[in-house]
Protein backbone atom coordinates (compact mmCIF):
# COMPACT_ATOMS: atom_id res chain seq x y z
CA MET A 1 19.49 26.52 42.80
CA VAL A 2 21.53 29.55 41.72
CA THR A 3 21.88 30.01 37.97
CA ASP A 4 24.64 31.55 35.86
CA LYS A 5 22.30 34.41 34.97
CA GLN A 6 21.80 35.32 38.66
CA VAL A 7 25.54 35.34 39.32
CA ARG A 8 26.23 37.54 36.27
CA LYS A 9 23.64 40.03 37.56
CA LEU A 10 25.23 39.87 41.00
CA TRP A 11 28.64 40.78 39.57
CA GLU A 12 27.04 43.59 37.56
CA PHE A 13 25.46 45.14 40.66
CA LEU A 14 28.66 44.77 42.73
CA SER A 15 30.76 46.43 40.03
CA GLY A 16 28.23 49.28 40.01
CA GLY A 17 28.93 50.03 43.67
CA GLU A 18 26.01 48.18 45.27
CA THR A 19 26.53 46.46 48.63
CA VAL A 20 26.59 42.67 48.89
CA SER A 21 23.32 42.51 50.82
CA ARG A 22 21.48 44.77 48.38
CA SER A 23 22.92 42.95 45.33
CA ALA A 24 21.88 39.59 46.83
CA TRP A 25 18.35 40.89 47.41
CA LYS A 26 18.09 42.17 43.81
CA THR A 27 19.25 38.86 42.32
CA GLY A 28 17.07 36.72 44.59
CA MET A 29 19.78 34.82 46.44
CA ASP A 30 20.99 34.50 50.03
CA GLU A 31 23.64 36.99 51.16
CA LYS A 32 25.95 34.18 52.19
CA THR A 33 25.64 32.64 48.71
CA ALA A 34 26.32 36.06 47.14
CA ARG A 35 29.54 36.42 49.11
CA LYS A 36 30.56 32.91 48.00
CA TYR A 37 30.26 33.68 44.28
CA ARG A 38 31.79 37.15 44.76
CA ASP A 39 34.91 35.56 46.24
CA LEU A 40 34.89 32.48 43.97
CA GLY A 41 34.86 34.46 40.73
CA GLN A 42 33.25 31.48 38.84
CA LEU A 43 29.82 30.77 37.48
CA PRO A 44 27.81 27.89 39.01
CA SER A 45 28.27 25.84 35.84
CA GLN A 46 32.04 26.32 36.04
CA ALA A 47 32.22 25.47 39.71
CA THR A 48 30.22 22.21 39.44
CA VAL A 49 32.28 19.11 40.09
CA GLU A 50 31.50 16.36 37.57
CA HIS A 51 30.20 13.21 39.21
CA ARG A 52 32.57 10.41 38.16
CA TRP A 53 32.27 7.91 41.00
CA ARG A 54 29.81 5.11 41.62
CA THR A 55 27.41 5.36 44.55
CA ARG A 56 27.02 1.59 44.78
CA LYS A 57 28.88 -1.52 43.62
CA ASP A 58 28.36 -2.55 40.01
CA PRO A 59 26.37 -5.87 40.16
CA PHE A 60 27.70 -6.87 36.72
CA GLU A 61 31.37 -6.14 37.44
CA GLU A 62 32.37 -9.82 37.32
CA VAL A 63 30.48 -10.68 34.10
CA TRP A 64 31.20 -7.68 31.85
CA CYS A 65 34.08 -9.53 30.17
CA GLU A 66 31.74 -12.33 29.11
CA VAL A 67 29.13 -9.82 27.92
CA HIS A 68 31.68 -7.83 25.89
CA GLU A 69 32.94 -11.05 24.31
CA GLN A 70 29.39 -11.89 23.20
CA LEU A 71 28.89 -8.38 21.81
CA GLU A 72 32.14 -8.52 19.85
CA GLN A 73 31.16 -11.85 18.27
CA ASN A 74 27.53 -10.83 17.64
CA PRO A 75 27.21 -7.01 17.37
CA GLY A 76 23.48 -7.31 16.68
CA LEU A 77 22.66 -8.82 20.08
CA GLN A 78 20.18 -6.79 22.09
CA ALA A 79 20.82 -5.98 25.75
CA LYS A 80 17.54 -7.61 26.81
CA ALA A 81 18.50 -10.90 25.16
CA LEU A 82 21.93 -10.79 26.80
CA PHE A 83 20.36 -10.11 30.18
CA GLY A 84 18.16 -13.19 29.80
CA TRP A 85 21.24 -15.20 28.88
CA LEU A 86 22.95 -14.05 32.08
CA GLN A 87 19.92 -14.96 34.19
CA ARG A 88 19.94 -18.48 32.73
CA LYS A 89 23.69 -18.87 33.18
CA TYR A 90 23.70 -17.50 36.76
CA PRO A 91 20.33 -18.50 38.30
CA LYS A 92 18.97 -16.20 41.05
CA ARG A 93 21.94 -13.84 40.73
CA PHE A 94 20.34 -11.12 38.58
CA GLN A 95 16.81 -9.79 39.08
CA ASP A 96 14.46 -8.30 36.47
CA GLY A 97 14.71 -4.90 38.15
CA GLN A 98 18.42 -4.71 37.18
CA LEU A 99 17.67 -4.76 33.42
CA ARG A 100 17.80 -0.96 33.00
CA SER A 101 21.24 -0.77 34.67
CA PHE A 102 22.49 -3.54 32.40
CA GLN A 103 21.11 -1.81 29.30
CA ARG A 104 22.91 1.41 30.26
CA GLY A 105 26.16 -0.53 30.64
CA VAL A 106 25.79 -2.15 27.21
CA LYS A 107 24.93 1.19 25.63
CA SER A 108 28.00 2.81 27.22
CA TRP A 109 30.29 0.02 25.96
CA ARG A 110 28.91 0.29 22.43
CA ALA A 111 29.46 4.06 22.42
CA THR A 112 33.06 3.85 23.69
CA GLU A 113 34.46 0.48 22.60
CA GLY A 114 31.90 -1.09 20.24
CA PRO A 115 32.07 -1.39 16.43
CA PRO A 116 31.64 1.80 14.36
CA LYS A 117 28.09 2.57 13.24
CA GLU A 118 26.99 3.33 9.72
CA VAL A 119 27.40 7.00 8.85
CA PHE A 120 24.83 8.76 6.65
CA PHE A 121 26.40 11.55 4.65
CA ARG A 122 24.11 14.47 3.92
CA GLN A 123 24.36 15.32 0.25
CA GLN A 124 24.54 18.74 -1.33
CA HIS A 125 22.19 18.85 -4.33
CA THR A 126 22.71 21.09 -7.33
CA PRO A 127 20.05 22.26 -9.80
CA GLY A 128 19.35 19.99 -12.74
CA ARG A 129 21.74 17.23 -11.72
CA LEU A 130 19.69 14.33 -10.37
CA GLY A 131 16.21 12.84 -10.55
CA ALA A 132 15.28 9.79 -8.45
CA SER A 133 12.34 7.43 -8.78
CA ASP A 134 10.70 4.39 -7.22
CA PHE A 135 7.35 2.63 -6.91
CA THR A 136 5.14 2.78 -3.82
CA TRP A 137 1.91 0.96 -2.93
CA MET A 138 -1.18 3.12 -2.26
CA ASN A 139 -3.48 0.38 -0.89
CA SER A 140 -3.25 1.67 2.70
CA LEU A 141 -5.28 4.74 1.66
CA GLY A 142 -8.41 2.63 1.04
CA VAL A 143 -9.30 4.15 -2.36
CA THR A 144 -12.25 2.55 -4.20
CA ILE A 145 -13.49 2.90 -7.78
CA GLY A 146 -17.26 2.59 -8.15
CA GLY A 147 -17.40 1.01 -4.71
CA GLY A 148 -14.82 -1.67 -5.53
CA ARG A 149 -11.38 -1.90 -3.94
CA PHE A 150 -8.68 -0.32 -6.13
CA ASP A 151 -5.30 -1.97 -5.51
CA HIS A 152 -2.55 0.03 -7.21
CA LEU A 153 0.90 1.60 -7.01
CA VAL A 154 2.25 4.89 -8.24
CA TYR A 155 5.53 5.47 -10.02
CA HIS A 156 6.99 8.39 -8.08
CA PHE A 157 9.65 10.70 -9.58
CA VAL A 158 11.45 13.41 -7.57
CA LEU A 159 14.01 16.06 -8.51
CA THR A 160 16.41 15.94 -5.57
CA TYR A 161 17.37 19.65 -5.63
CA TRP A 162 14.02 20.89 -4.28
CA ASN A 163 11.78 17.81 -4.37
CA TRP A 164 9.58 18.67 -7.36
CA GLU A 165 7.59 15.47 -7.93
CA SER A 166 5.43 13.58 -10.39
CA ALA A 167 3.32 10.42 -9.98
CA THR A 168 1.71 7.97 -12.40
CA ILE A 169 -0.80 5.24 -11.45
CA CYS A 170 0.35 1.71 -12.28
CA PHE A 171 -0.25 -1.89 -11.19
CA SER A 172 3.17 -3.53 -11.17
CA GLU A 173 6.86 -2.65 -11.10
CA SER A 174 7.22 -3.50 -14.79
CA PHE A 175 9.45 -1.79 -17.31
CA GLU A 176 6.36 -0.50 -19.09
CA SER A 177 5.24 1.22 -15.87
CA LEU A 178 8.71 2.65 -15.29
CA SER A 179 8.98 3.94 -18.86
CA GLU A 180 5.50 5.48 -18.83
CA GLY A 181 5.99 7.13 -15.44
CA LEU A 182 9.49 8.47 -16.14
CA GLN A 183 8.50 9.92 -19.50
CA ASN A 184 5.37 11.50 -18.02
CA ALA A 185 7.59 13.21 -15.41
CA LEU A 186 10.16 14.48 -17.94
CA TRP A 187 7.55 15.90 -20.31
CA GLN A 188 5.69 17.56 -17.42
CA LEU A 189 9.02 19.02 -16.32
CA GLY A 190 9.89 20.23 -19.80
CA GLY A 191 13.51 19.11 -19.65
CA VAL A 192 15.96 16.38 -18.67
CA PRO A 193 18.35 16.31 -15.65
CA GLU A 194 21.87 14.93 -15.93
CA ARG A 195 21.31 11.66 -14.06
CA HIS A 196 18.54 9.28 -13.04
CA ARG A 197 18.76 7.10 -9.93
CA THR A 198 16.64 4.06 -9.14
CA ASP A 199 16.87 1.25 -6.63
CA ARG A 200 17.52 -2.29 -7.82
CA LEU A 201 14.30 -2.66 -9.82
CA SER A 202 14.38 -5.81 -11.92
CA SER A 203 12.86 -3.76 -14.75
CA ALA A 204 16.03 -1.64 -14.84
CA VAL A 205 18.89 -3.48 -13.10
CA ASN A 206 20.34 -6.91 -13.84
CA ASN A 207 20.30 -8.28 -10.30
CA LEU A 208 21.42 -11.81 -11.23
CA THR A 209 24.45 -10.97 -13.34
CA ASP A 210 27.36 -8.54 -13.31
CA GLU A 211 28.01 -8.68 -17.05
CA ARG A 212 25.66 -5.76 -17.66
CA LEU A 213 24.57 -3.60 -14.77
CA PHE A 214 21.38 -2.43 -16.48
CA THR A 215 18.87 -4.13 -18.79
CA GLU A 216 19.06 -3.37 -22.49
CA ARG A 217 15.60 -1.80 -22.57
CA TYR A 218 16.40 0.49 -19.66
CA GLN A 219 19.72 1.51 -21.23
CA SER A 220 17.93 2.28 -24.48
CA LEU A 221 15.40 4.47 -22.67
CA MET A 222 18.16 6.36 -20.85
CA GLN A 223 20.11 6.90 -24.09
CA HIS A 224 16.98 8.28 -25.76
CA TYR A 225 16.86 11.07 -23.15
CA GLY A 226 20.61 11.41 -22.62
CA LEU A 227 20.37 10.40 -18.96
CA GLU A 228 23.25 8.89 -17.02
CA MET A 229 22.23 5.86 -14.98
CA GLU A 230 22.63 5.35 -11.22
CA LYS A 231 21.47 2.52 -8.97
CA THR A 232 21.53 1.92 -5.24
CA GLN A 233 23.50 -0.88 -3.59
CA ALA A 234 21.63 -4.05 -2.70
CA GLY A 235 19.73 -3.59 0.56
CA LYS A 236 20.63 0.10 0.78
CA GLY A 237 17.26 1.79 0.19
CA ASN A 238 18.48 4.82 2.14
CA GLU A 239 20.69 5.69 -0.86
CA ASN A 240 17.47 6.59 -2.65
CA GLY A 241 16.34 8.50 0.42
CA ASP A 242 14.98 11.56 -1.37
CA VAL A 243 12.24 9.63 -3.11
CA GLU A 244 11.71 7.24 -0.17
CA SER A 245 11.03 10.22 2.11
CA SER A 246 8.79 11.81 -0.52
CA HIS A 247 6.70 8.61 -0.65
CA ARG A 248 5.60 9.15 2.93
CA HIS A 249 4.92 12.87 2.57
CA PHE A 250 3.04 12.35 -0.72
CA LYS A 251 0.79 9.64 0.73
CA GLU A 252 0.12 11.75 3.82
CA ALA A 253 -0.92 14.65 1.55
CA VAL A 254 -3.22 12.36 -0.47
CA ASP A 255 -4.72 10.97 2.75
CA GLN A 256 -5.44 14.47 4.06
CA ALA A 257 -6.99 15.50 0.73
CA LEU A 258 -9.21 12.40 0.82
CA MET A 259 -10.40 13.36 4.31
CA LEU A 260 -11.25 16.86 3.14
CA ARG A 261 -13.02 15.41 0.10
CA GLY A 262 -15.25 13.39 2.42
CA SER A 263 -15.10 10.20 0.38
CA ARG A 264 -12.49 7.73 -0.83
CA ASP A 265 -14.69 6.44 -3.65
CA PHE A 266 -14.28 7.72 -7.22
CA GLU A 267 -16.46 7.32 -10.31
CA SER A 268 -13.59 6.11 -12.48
CA ARG A 269 -9.86 5.68 -12.57
CA GLU A 270 -9.60 8.87 -14.69
CA VAL A 271 -11.33 10.93 -11.98
CA TYR A 272 -8.97 9.50 -9.35
CA ALA A 273 -5.94 10.23 -11.55
CA GLN A 274 -7.07 13.85 -11.90
CA PHE A 275 -7.45 14.05 -8.11
CA LEU A 276 -3.84 12.90 -7.65
CA GLN A 277 -2.62 15.47 -10.16
CA GLU A 278 -4.40 18.22 -8.22
CA VAL A 279 -2.64 17.09 -5.03
CA LEU A 280 0.71 17.15 -6.84
CA GLN A 281 0.03 20.62 -8.26
CA GLN A 282 -0.63 21.93 -4.74
CA ARG A 283 2.58 20.34 -3.42
CA ASN A 284 4.66 21.63 -6.33
CA ALA A 285 3.20 25.16 -6.14
CA GLY A 286 5.53 26.11 -3.29
CA ARG A 287 8.55 24.89 -5.24
CA ALA A 288 8.10 27.18 -8.23
CA LYS A 289 11.12 29.40 -7.47
CA ARG A 290 13.57 26.52 -7.10
CA LEU A 291 11.99 24.74 -10.07
CA ALA A 292 12.76 27.76 -12.24
CA GLU A 293 16.43 27.39 -11.24
CA GLU A 294 16.34 23.74 -12.29
CA GLN A 295 14.55 24.31 -15.58
CA ALA A 296 17.17 26.89 -16.57
CA VAL A 297 19.88 24.18 -16.58
CA LEU A 298 17.92 21.13 -17.74
CA ALA A 299 18.80 19.53 -21.05
CA ALA A 300 16.28 19.74 -23.89
CA LEU A 301 13.75 16.98 -24.46
CA PRO A 302 14.06 14.78 -27.58
CA ARG A 303 11.69 15.35 -30.49
CA ALA A 304 9.26 12.67 -29.36
CA ARG A 305 8.60 10.25 -26.56
CA ARG A 306 9.97 6.73 -26.77
CA GLU A 307 7.50 3.89 -27.01
CA SER A 308 6.56 2.77 -23.50
CA HIS A 309 5.30 -0.61 -24.65
CA ARG A 310 6.99 -3.87 -25.43
CA ARG A 311 6.30 -5.76 -28.66
CA MET A 312 5.92 -9.51 -28.99
CA ARG A 313 5.01 -11.73 -31.92
CA VAL A 314 2.94 -14.77 -30.97
CA LYS A 315 0.87 -17.37 -32.76
CA VAL A 316 -2.82 -17.78 -31.99
CA SER A 317 -3.48 -21.33 -30.79
CA THR A 318 -6.26 -23.64 -31.93
CA GLY A 319 -8.17 -22.62 -28.79
CA SER A 320 -8.15 -19.00 -30.02
CA LEU A 321 -5.71 -18.11 -27.23
CA ILE A 322 -2.41 -16.28 -26.91
CA GLN A 323 0.13 -16.56 -24.09
CA ILE A 324 1.64 -13.27 -22.88
CA ARG A 325 4.00 -13.12 -19.89
CA GLU A 326 2.63 -16.40 -18.47
CA ASN A 327 -0.98 -15.19 -18.78
CA THR A 328 -3.65 -16.40 -21.20
CA TYR A 329 -5.88 -14.15 -23.32
CA SER A 330 -8.53 -15.00 -25.89
CA VAL A 331 -8.73 -13.32 -29.31
CA ASN A 332 -11.18 -13.61 -32.17
CA SER A 333 -11.28 -17.12 -33.63
CA ARG A 334 -10.66 -15.67 -37.10
CA LEU A 335 -7.02 -15.25 -36.03
CA ILE A 336 -6.41 -18.95 -35.21
CA GLY A 337 -3.11 -20.06 -36.71
CA GLU A 338 -1.99 -16.49 -37.51
CA GLN A 339 1.01 -14.59 -36.20
CA VAL A 340 -0.06 -11.42 -34.40
CA GLU A 341 1.92 -8.57 -32.84
CA VAL A 342 1.06 -7.80 -29.23
CA ARG A 343 2.02 -4.42 -27.80
CA ILE A 344 2.28 -4.65 -24.03
CA TYR A 345 1.51 -1.44 -22.14
CA ALA A 346 1.45 -0.87 -18.38
CA ASP A 347 -2.31 -1.50 -18.07
CA HIS A 348 -3.50 -2.95 -21.38
CA LEU A 349 -2.52 -4.97 -24.45
CA GLU A 350 -3.03 -4.13 -28.12
CA VAL A 351 -3.26 -6.96 -30.66
CA TRP A 352 -2.20 -5.96 -34.18
CA TYR A 353 -2.54 -7.92 -37.41
CA GLY A 354 -1.51 -6.62 -40.82
CA GLN A 355 -0.75 -3.06 -39.55
CA ARG A 356 -4.21 -2.90 -38.00
CA GLN A 357 -5.25 -2.99 -34.35
CA VAL A 358 -7.79 -5.78 -33.99
CA GLU A 359 -8.08 -6.05 -30.17
CA ARG A 360 -7.49 -3.97 -27.04
CA LEU A 361 -7.44 -6.09 -23.86
CA PRO A 362 -7.02 -5.15 -20.17
CA ARG A 363 -3.66 -6.40 -18.94
CA LEU A 364 -3.85 -9.08 -16.26
CA ARG A 365 -1.93 -8.52 -13.04
CA GLY A 366 0.30 -11.30 -11.77
CA ARG A 367 1.07 -14.62 -13.44
CA LYS A 368 -0.83 -17.75 -14.57
CA LYS A 369 -4.16 -15.95 -14.95
CA HIS A 370 -6.58 -15.84 -17.86
CA ALA A 371 -9.04 -13.50 -19.55
CA ILE A 372 -11.52 -15.21 -21.88
CA ASN A 373 -14.13 -13.24 -23.83
CA TYR A 374 -17.07 -15.46 -24.82
CA ARG A 375 -17.62 -13.40 -27.99
CA HIS A 376 -14.29 -14.68 -29.33
CA VAL A 377 -15.28 -18.37 -29.24
CA ILE A 378 -19.09 -18.58 -29.13
CA ASP A 379 -19.55 -18.99 -32.92
CA TRP A 380 -17.82 -22.36 -32.81
CA LEU A 381 -18.71 -23.36 -29.26
CA VAL A 382 -22.42 -23.19 -30.10
CA ARG A 383 -21.72 -25.80 -32.79
CA LYS A 384 -19.75 -27.98 -30.36
CA ALA A 385 -22.07 -27.81 -27.36
CA GLY A 386 -20.63 -31.02 -25.92
CA ALA A 387 -17.32 -29.25 -25.28
CA PHE A 388 -18.91 -26.73 -22.92
CA GLU A 389 -19.46 -28.86 -19.83
CA ASN A 390 -15.75 -29.67 -19.34
CA TYR A 391 -14.30 -26.56 -20.98
CA ARG A 392 -11.26 -25.41 -19.01
CA TYR A 393 -12.42 -21.78 -18.95
CA ARG A 394 -16.14 -22.45 -18.62
CA ASN A 395 -16.63 -20.04 -15.70
CA GLU A 396 -15.54 -17.18 -17.97
CA LEU A 397 -18.58 -17.87 -20.18
CA PHE A 398 -21.07 -16.57 -17.60
CA PRO A 399 -21.03 -12.78 -18.17
CA THR A 400 -23.31 -12.07 -15.18
CA SER A 401 -24.75 -13.99 -12.25
CA ARG A 402 -28.11 -14.30 -14.09
CA PHE A 403 -26.47 -16.19 -16.95
CA ARG A 404 -25.12 -18.62 -14.37
CA MET A 405 -28.53 -18.93 -12.71
CA ALA A 406 -30.11 -19.57 -16.10
CA TYR A 407 -27.64 -22.38 -16.84
CA ASP A 408 -28.19 -23.97 -13.42
CA GLY A 409 -31.96 -23.85 -13.98
CA LEU A 410 -31.57 -25.51 -17.38
CA CYS A 411 -29.47 -28.26 -15.79
CA GLU A 412 -32.18 -28.94 -13.20
CA HIS A 413 -34.84 -29.17 -15.91
CA ASP A 414 -32.99 -31.25 -18.53
CA ARG A 415 -29.24 -31.67 -18.13
CA SER A 416 -28.85 -33.39 -21.51
CA ARG A 417 -29.96 -30.23 -23.33
CA ALA A 418 -28.78 -27.61 -20.85
CA SER A 419 -25.42 -26.83 -22.54
CA LYS A 420 -26.92 -26.50 -26.02
CA GLU A 421 -29.82 -24.30 -24.84
CA TYR A 422 -27.53 -22.08 -22.75
CA LEU A 423 -24.99 -21.61 -25.56
CA GLN A 424 -27.78 -20.53 -27.91
CA ILE A 425 -28.81 -17.88 -25.35
CA LEU A 426 -25.14 -16.80 -25.00
CA HIS A 427 -24.86 -16.66 -28.80
CA LEU A 428 -27.89 -14.38 -28.84
CA ALA A 429 -26.16 -12.08 -26.32
CA ALA A 430 -23.07 -11.91 -28.54
CA ARG A 431 -25.13 -11.13 -31.70
CA GLU A 432 -27.68 -8.76 -30.20
CA SER A 433 -27.09 -7.22 -26.77
CA GLU A 434 -25.74 -8.74 -23.59
CA THR A 435 -27.62 -6.14 -21.52
CA GLU A 436 -30.98 -6.91 -23.16
CA VAL A 437 -30.50 -10.66 -22.74
CA ASP A 438 -29.52 -10.11 -19.09
CA ASP A 439 -32.67 -8.02 -18.51
CA ALA A 440 -34.79 -10.72 -20.17
CA LEU A 441 -33.25 -13.41 -17.97
CA ARG A 442 -33.93 -11.27 -14.89
CA GLY A 443 -37.60 -10.95 -15.85
CA LEU A 444 -37.99 -14.69 -16.48
CA LEU A 445 -36.22 -15.62 -13.24
CA ASP A 446 -38.31 -13.19 -11.16
CA THR A 447 -41.58 -14.53 -12.61
CA GLU A 448 -40.34 -18.15 -12.44
CA GLN A 449 -41.03 -18.74 -16.13
CA PRO A 450 -39.13 -21.44 -18.05
CA ILE A 451 -35.87 -20.25 -19.59
CA THR A 452 -35.28 -21.22 -23.21
CA LEU A 453 -33.98 -19.46 -26.29
CA ALA A 454 -37.58 -18.98 -27.39
CA THR A 455 -38.76 -17.39 -24.11
CA VAL A 456 -35.72 -15.10 -23.95
CA THR A 457 -36.22 -14.00 -27.57
CA ALA A 458 -39.93 -13.44 -27.00
CA ARG A 459 -39.32 -11.33 -23.91
CA MET A 460 -36.76 -9.22 -25.77
CA ALA A 461 -39.19 -8.75 -28.67
CA SER A 462 -42.02 -7.71 -26.32
CA GLN A 463 -39.77 -4.88 -25.07
CA GLN A 464 -41.12 -5.34 -21.55
CA PRO A 465 -39.20 -3.19 -19.09
CA PRO A 466 -37.09 -5.24 -16.70
CA PRO A 467 -38.52 -5.56 -13.20
CA SER A 468 -37.28 -3.00 -10.72
CA ALA A 469 -34.67 -4.02 -8.24
CA THR A 470 -36.19 -5.91 -5.34
CA ASP A 471 -36.38 -3.96 -2.10
CA VAL A 472 -35.38 -6.16 0.80
CA THR A 473 -37.19 -5.37 4.04
CA VAL A 474 -36.73 -7.22 7.29
CA ASP A 475 -39.61 -7.04 9.77
CA GLU A 476 -38.77 -6.49 13.42
CA PRO A 477 -39.06 -9.82 15.27
CA ASP A 478 -41.85 -10.41 17.75
CA LEU A 479 -39.93 -11.68 20.76
CA SER A 480 -43.08 -13.10 22.34
CA GLN A 481 -43.05 -15.81 19.68
CA PHE A 482 -39.96 -17.32 21.28
CA ASP A 483 -42.10 -18.22 24.33
CA GLU A 484 -44.09 -20.58 22.11
CA LEU A 485 -40.93 -22.64 21.58
CA LEU A 486 -40.87 -23.52 25.26
CA THR A 487 -42.84 -26.47 26.59
CA ASP A 488 -45.04 -26.17 29.66
CA LYS A 489 -42.47 -28.15 31.65
CA GLU A 490 -39.62 -25.83 30.67
CA ILE A 491 -41.70 -22.81 31.69
CA GLU A 492 -42.57 -24.45 35.01
CA ASP A 493 -38.90 -25.39 35.67
CA GLY A 494 -37.82 -21.85 34.80
CA TYR A 495 -40.38 -20.34 37.20
CA GLN A 496 -39.35 -22.74 39.95
CA GLY A 497 -35.66 -21.87 39.45
CA GLU A 498 -36.49 -18.16 39.58
CA CYS A 499 -38.35 -18.64 42.88
CA GLU A 500 -35.41 -20.55 44.36
CA ASN A 501 -33.06 -17.71 43.37
CA ASP A 502 -35.38 -15.20 45.08
CA VAL A 503 -35.35 -17.25 48.29
CA ASP A 504 -31.53 -17.32 48.22
CA HIS A 505 -31.47 -13.55 47.87
CA LEU A 506 -33.85 -13.14 50.81
CA LEU A 507 -31.68 -15.34 53.02
CA GLU A 508 -28.58 -13.32 52.10
CA GLY A 509 -30.36 -10.01 52.53
CA THR A 510 -29.93 -9.06 48.88
CA ALA A 511 -33.45 -9.48 47.54
CA PRO A 512 -34.12 -8.14 44.03
CA ALA A 513 -36.54 -5.24 43.58
CA HIS A 514 -39.42 -7.45 42.43
CA VAL A 515 -39.41 -9.56 45.61
CA PRO A 516 -41.63 -8.02 48.35
């Protein structure tokens, strides 16, 4: 096929005085073809006649009106579903092999006569104007802490001008997580942009009412930093596309760094957090020039950060419990009946009484869960041993599996005294050392000695080192032992069946190798 380039060369040679035959030879085309384009005066692309006619009859010509009517009423219908509808309506008329032709027809109608499609308008970003943020789950990366699965999110903040980013580990899309993550980003950045955009997070946006677009706490946080508030429309996550796109790139970068590290397990959450910061520093290193442009126009930070926590005043119940966000926590029994202030952070709670912090508790994730510390209630539970057996949170009073094994052993020996004896051992762990009591229980269980308060105390006093962890070894099985499970008759029947199979093979001419 002759190209436009060949014809241009042909004209160049002809205008230079070359003959037609020599010009055709130099451009690699037939002399007759060269004369054609010399006389035509057009390039091949200009001389091509556009193909606008059908080579065969349209098999759907009589049903397009029905199809278009369906598409107008239900724009979301897929061509494959419509084709199946036609096959059911007109049995044996349309074959599966005609699907591609039908799909092309539907596509052509949508492009020329169908409803308009959503348009995405590329935005022009200016330095220091907008920061966007959102939460994203990191579970797909398979990170573990000390060998245990670490389910978590990160709060991800991005400056839209050149995608400078910050990330903070969190465990829920709470206001505390949003406040902590946003403030971390602003103080790392060293300034404040004009606006902050988020999607319709319940921690920031009132999704059930139009009276106030944003929650009071979120408005207060924005006012503290002088930020104007933006939110996306419901179901329009693409409006926060800068941070949504950065989620994917950030997680890909973390995944690659984990591969290079050679392990997805970390000693502690702090070590993992430092690892993430190193990944972010590498990603932000190439954005230093544009970041300098942003920092030059950012507003100044306030004098201090705003509190990221929420404060609640609650009364300690007679069970030495407090209820926080539909979760139950135990506190020291000395506080029963008192009003305490609870400061709720993204990952922990602080209990304050009389301007003094008296407890720091890990924050539970989710709702209707409980965290009971046996040290908070053991002083009175040991006096009311009868309450232990049916205590609602009894399973929380077994600090390790050996405490549970000790209680089960006491029940087998004398159930009437099991609760009292166990609670005395648990009381000893609270007063002395849980680790030492656990080691003592391990020694008594391994040597099958009776477990009582006296034996546990004696073992602790003897300062005997706990037994080393048991090495589990599994011997290779001796397969010949399985023959002993067979009776003489089974062996005889098996041998007879094997002989019959060999005869069959001989008759068919396919004897196995062991048959002579």
